[in-house]
C-alpha atoms as a PDB file:
ATOM      1  CA  MET A   1    -175.104  -7.791 114.191  1.00  0.00           C
ATOM      2  CA  LEU A   2    -171.932  -6.125 115.395  1.00  0.00           C
ATOM      3  CA  GLU A   3    -171.438  -3.625 112.976  1.00  0.00           C
ATOM      4  CA  GLY A   4    -170.314  -0.152 114.704  1.00  0.00           C
ATOM      5  CA  TYR A   5    -169.363  -2.009 118.146  1.00  0.00           C
ATOM      6  CA  PHE A   6    -166.356  -0.580 117.223  1.00  0.00           C
ATOM      7  CA  ASP A   7    -164.998   2.045 114.753  1.00  0.00           C
ATOM      8  CA  ASP A   8    -162.272   2.678 112.367  1.00  0.00           C
ATOM      9  CA  THR A   9    -159.693   4.533 114.490  1.00  0.00           C
ATOM     10  CA  ASP A  10    -159.667   0.439 117.054  1.00  0.00           C
ATOM     11  CA  ALA A  11    -156.579  -1.487 116.508  1.00  0.00           C
ATOM     12  CA  VAL A  12    -156.414  -4.227 113.967  1.00  0.00           C
ATOM     13  CA  GLN A  13    -156.906  -6.959 116.730  1.00  0.00           C
ATOM     14  CA  ASN A  14    -159.848  -5.527 118.060  1.00  0.00           C
ATOM     15  CA  LYS A  15    -161.704  -5.698 114.389  1.00  0.00           C
ATOM     16  CA  GLN A  16    -159.934  -9.394 113.963  1.00  0.00           C
ATOM     17  CA  ARG A  17    -161.316 -10.193 117.606  1.00  0.00           C
ATOM     18  CA  LEU A  18    -165.270  -8.813 116.578  1.00  0.00           C
ATOM     19  CA  LEU A  19    -164.835 -10.592 113.294  1.00  0.00           C
ATOM     20  CA  ALA A  20    -164.403 -14.271 115.326  1.00  0.00           C
ATOM     21  CA  VAL A  21    -167.099 -13.545 117.558  1.00  0.00           C
ATOM     22  CA  ALA A  22    -169.391 -12.944 114.826  1.00  0.00           C
ATOM     23  CA  ALA A  23    -167.970 -16.043 113.009  1.00  0.00           C
ATOM     24  CA  ALA A  24    -168.761 -17.906 116.492  1.00  0.00           C
ATOM     25  CA  LEU A  25    -172.233 -15.975 116.871  1.00  0.00           C
ATOM     26  CA  GLU A  26    -173.181 -17.221 113.837  1.00  0.00           C
ATOM     27  CA  ILE A  27    -172.300 -21.122 114.373  1.00  0.00           C
ATOM     28  CA  ALA A  28    -174.686 -20.568 117.742  1.00  0.00           C
ATOM     29  CA  LYS A  29    -177.576 -19.569 115.680  1.00  0.00           C
ATOM     30  CA  SER A  30    -177.094 -22.021 113.341  1.00  0.00           C
ATOM     31  CA  ALA A  31    -176.836 -24.654 115.608  1.00  0.00           C
ATOM     32  CA  VAL A  32    -179.375 -23.440 118.041  1.00  0.00           C
ATOM     33  CA  GLY A  33    -181.858 -23.138 115.203  1.00  0.00           C
ATOM     34  CA  ALA A  34    -181.590 -26.364 113.926  1.00  0.00           C
ATOM     35  CA  GLY A  35    -183.201 -27.818 117.229  1.00  0.00           C
ATOM     36  CA  ASN A  36    -183.630 -31.573 118.764  1.00  0.00           C
ATOM     37  CA  GLY A  37    -186.869 -31.839 118.092  1.00  0.00           C
ATOM     38  CA  ILE A  38    -188.175 -30.804 121.690  1.00  0.00           C
ATOM     39  CA  SER A  39    -190.299 -28.014 120.964  1.00  0.00           C
ATOM     40  CA  GLY A  40    -190.144 -24.731 123.294  1.00  0.00           C
ATOM     41  CA  ALA A  41    -187.277 -27.079 125.072  1.00  0.00           C
ATOM     42  CA  ARG A  42    -184.032 -24.953 123.837  1.00  0.00           C
ATOM     43  CA  THR A  43    -184.493 -21.222 125.641  1.00  0.00           C
ATOM     44  CA  GLU A  44    -182.845 -21.059 128.930  1.00  0.00           C
ATOM     45  CA  TYR A  45    -180.536 -23.779 128.676  1.00  0.00           C
ATOM     46  CA  ASP A  46    -178.955 -23.128 124.943  1.00  0.00           C
ATOM     47  CA  LEU A  47    -178.611 -19.410 125.565  1.00  0.00           C
ATOM     48  CA  GLN A  48    -176.633 -20.380 128.776  1.00  0.00           C
ATOM     49  CA  SER A  49    -174.418 -22.923 126.594  1.00  0.00           C
ATOM     50  CA  VAL A  50    -173.841 -20.295 124.125  1.00  0.00           C
ATOM     51  CA  ALA A  51    -172.847 -17.257 126.568  1.00  0.00           C
ATOM     52  CA  ARG A  52    -170.268 -19.650 128.007  1.00  0.00           C
ATOM     53  CA  GLU A  53    -168.875 -21.149 124.748  1.00  0.00           C
ATOM     54  CA  ILE A  54    -168.618 -17.681 122.513  1.00  0.00           C
ATOM     55  CA  GLY A  55    -165.647 -16.905 123.849  1.00  0.00           C
ATOM     56  CA  PRO A  56    -163.573 -19.667 123.368  1.00  0.00           C
ATOM     57  CA  LEU A  57    -165.123 -20.866 120.084  1.00  0.00           C
ATOM     58  CA  ALA A  58    -163.697 -17.411 119.168  1.00  0.00           C
ATOM     59  CA  ASP A  59    -160.692 -18.086 120.561  1.00  0.00           C
ATOM     60  CA  ALA A  60    -160.652 -21.454 118.387  1.00  0.00           C
ATOM     61  CA  ILE A  61    -161.254 -19.154 115.553  1.00  0.00           C
ATOM     62  CA  GLN A  62    -158.481 -16.949 115.473  1.00  0.00           C
ATOM     63  CA  GLU A  63    -155.902 -19.839 116.302  1.00  0.00           C
ATOM     64  CA  ALA A  64    -157.457 -21.734 113.329  1.00  0.00           C
ATOM     65  CA  LEU A  65    -156.838 -18.156 111.376  1.00  0.00           C
ATOM     66  CA  ALA A  66    -153.420 -17.478 113.045  1.00  0.00           C
ATOM     67  CA  PRO A  67    -150.226 -17.356 110.031  1.00  0.00           C
ATOM     68  CA  ARG A  68    -148.397 -20.576 110.759  1.00  0.00           C
ATOM     69  CA  SER A  69    -144.710 -20.354 110.396  1.00  0.00           C
END
């Protein structure tokens, strides 16, 4: 989904962030796709919720993957 966003010369931090955001998007897709039984009710609200939470979810993923000392 995000292939080609950064090229081979980009910093490792950018590539790591891209992977975390991609993982967050996969989680969001699964959550939105799960549904709640109300047909058609998950459009604007779900998209706004996902947009609000992608950054914090990516942050949490990166934090969970950070080496512990």
